Protein backbone atom coordinates (compact mmCIF):
# COMPACT_ATOMS: atom_id res chain seq x y z
CA GLN A 1 -86.98 -38.08 6.44
CA MET A 2 -90.25 -38.60 4.87
CA ARG A 3 -92.63 -40.97 6.63
CA LYS A 4 -93.14 -44.02 4.52
CA GLN A 5 -95.77 -45.67 6.65
CA CYS A 6 -99.21 -43.78 7.00
CA ASP A 7 -101.18 -46.37 9.02
CA GLN A 8 -105.08 -46.17 9.09
CA LYS A 9 -106.70 -46.54 12.40
CA LEU A 10 -109.90 -48.59 11.74
CA LEU A 11 -112.72 -48.78 14.33
CA ILE A 12 -114.78 -52.02 14.03
CA ARG A 13 -118.02 -52.04 15.59
CA MET A 14 -120.25 -55.13 16.41
CA LYS A 15 -123.18 -56.06 18.49
CA THR A 16 -123.60 -59.01 20.81
CA GLU A 17 -126.29 -61.56 20.25
CA CYS A 18 -130.01 -60.55 21.10
CA VAL A 19 -130.98 -62.00 24.42
CA PRO A 20 -133.62 -61.37 27.13
CA CYS A 21 -132.64 -58.08 28.63
CA SER A 22 -132.47 -59.65 32.09
CA LEU A 23 -129.76 -62.13 30.91
CA ASN A 24 -127.85 -59.37 29.02
CA LEU A 25 -126.07 -57.99 32.03
CA GLU A 26 -123.51 -60.92 32.01
CA THR A 27 -122.99 -60.70 28.25
CA GLN A 28 -119.31 -59.93 27.32
CA CYS A 29 -117.86 -58.68 24.02
CA PRO A 30 -115.63 -60.95 22.05
CA ALA A 31 -111.98 -60.95 23.23
CA GLY A 32 -110.19 -57.74 22.18
CA TYR A 33 -113.42 -55.76 21.94
CA THR A 34 -114.48 -52.97 24.39
CA LYS A 35 -118.01 -52.74 25.54
CA ILE A 36 -119.42 -49.29 25.02
CA THR A 37 -122.82 -49.92 26.40
CA ASN A 38 -123.40 -50.78 30.09
CA GLY A 39 -125.91 -52.48 32.23
CA THR A 40 -128.35 -54.57 30.45
CA GLY A 41 -127.33 -53.01 27.16
CA ILE A 42 -129.70 -51.47 24.40
CA PRO A 43 -133.27 -52.76 23.91
CA ASP A 44 -133.19 -52.64 20.17
CA CYS A 45 -133.46 -56.05 18.78
CA ARG A 46 -135.83 -59.09 18.91
CA TYR A 47 -135.30 -62.66 19.84
CA TYR A 48 -137.64 -65.48 19.19
CA LEU A 49 -139.17 -68.32 21.36
CA GLU A 50 -140.52 -71.28 19.39
CA PHE A 51 -143.59 -73.10 20.58
CA LYS A 52 -145.15 -76.13 19.02
CA THR A 53 -147.52 -74.09 16.96
CA HIS A 54 -146.04 -70.72 16.66
CA THR A 55 -143.16 -68.31 17.30
CA LEU A 56 -143.20 -65.43 19.64
CA SER A 57 -140.81 -62.46 18.75
CA LEU A 58 -139.83 -60.58 22.07
CA LEU A 59 -137.89 -57.42 22.67
CA GLY A 60 -134.37 -58.22 23.72
CA CYS A 61 -131.11 -56.31 24.49
CA GLN A 62 -127.79 -56.11 22.95
CA HIS A 63 -124.35 -54.72 23.95
CA HIS A 64 -122.44 -52.72 21.46
CA CYS A 65 -118.74 -53.33 21.24
CA THR A 66 -115.74 -51.59 19.46
CA LYS A 67 -112.29 -52.58 18.55
CA GLU A 68 -109.54 -50.29 17.23
CA PHE A 69 -106.82 -51.72 14.98
CA GLU A 70 -104.19 -50.28 12.86
CA GLN A 71 -104.05 -51.07 9.09
CA PRO A 72 -100.48 -50.57 7.83
CA GLU A 73 -100.68 -48.55 4.86
CA CYS A 74 -98.06 -46.65 2.81
CA CYS A 75 -98.16 -42.67 2.59
CA GLN A 76 -99.44 -41.33 -0.69
CA GLY A 77 -97.09 -41.93 -3.54
CA ARG A 78 -95.17 -44.81 -2.09
CA TRP A 79 -96.03 -48.63 -2.43
CA GLY A 80 -94.70 -52.05 -2.06
CA PRO A 81 -93.86 -54.15 0.94
CA ASP A 82 -91.42 -51.56 2.50
CA CYS A 83 -93.28 -48.52 1.09
CA LEU A 84 -90.33 -47.38 -1.08
CA GLY A 85 -91.90 -46.78 -4.34
CA LYS A 86 -91.78 -43.27 -5.71
């Protein structure tokens, strides 16, 4: 029995919004995502504070999140909704 389905595992990565590091402890990843950073996250981004006359750019923190999902695909040489093509 040949396998007809050869699902691809996809890893999606995303970063949370850049916020002051002290506030980032509370930041959660979106539903379904796993946080792969801990504590205050990674200080690798900038956020902006606007004043009347100018804008300050400050170092902020982000968390990195991943989500794994399986994309259904037919094995090589097969196609169609039921992967029956030869």
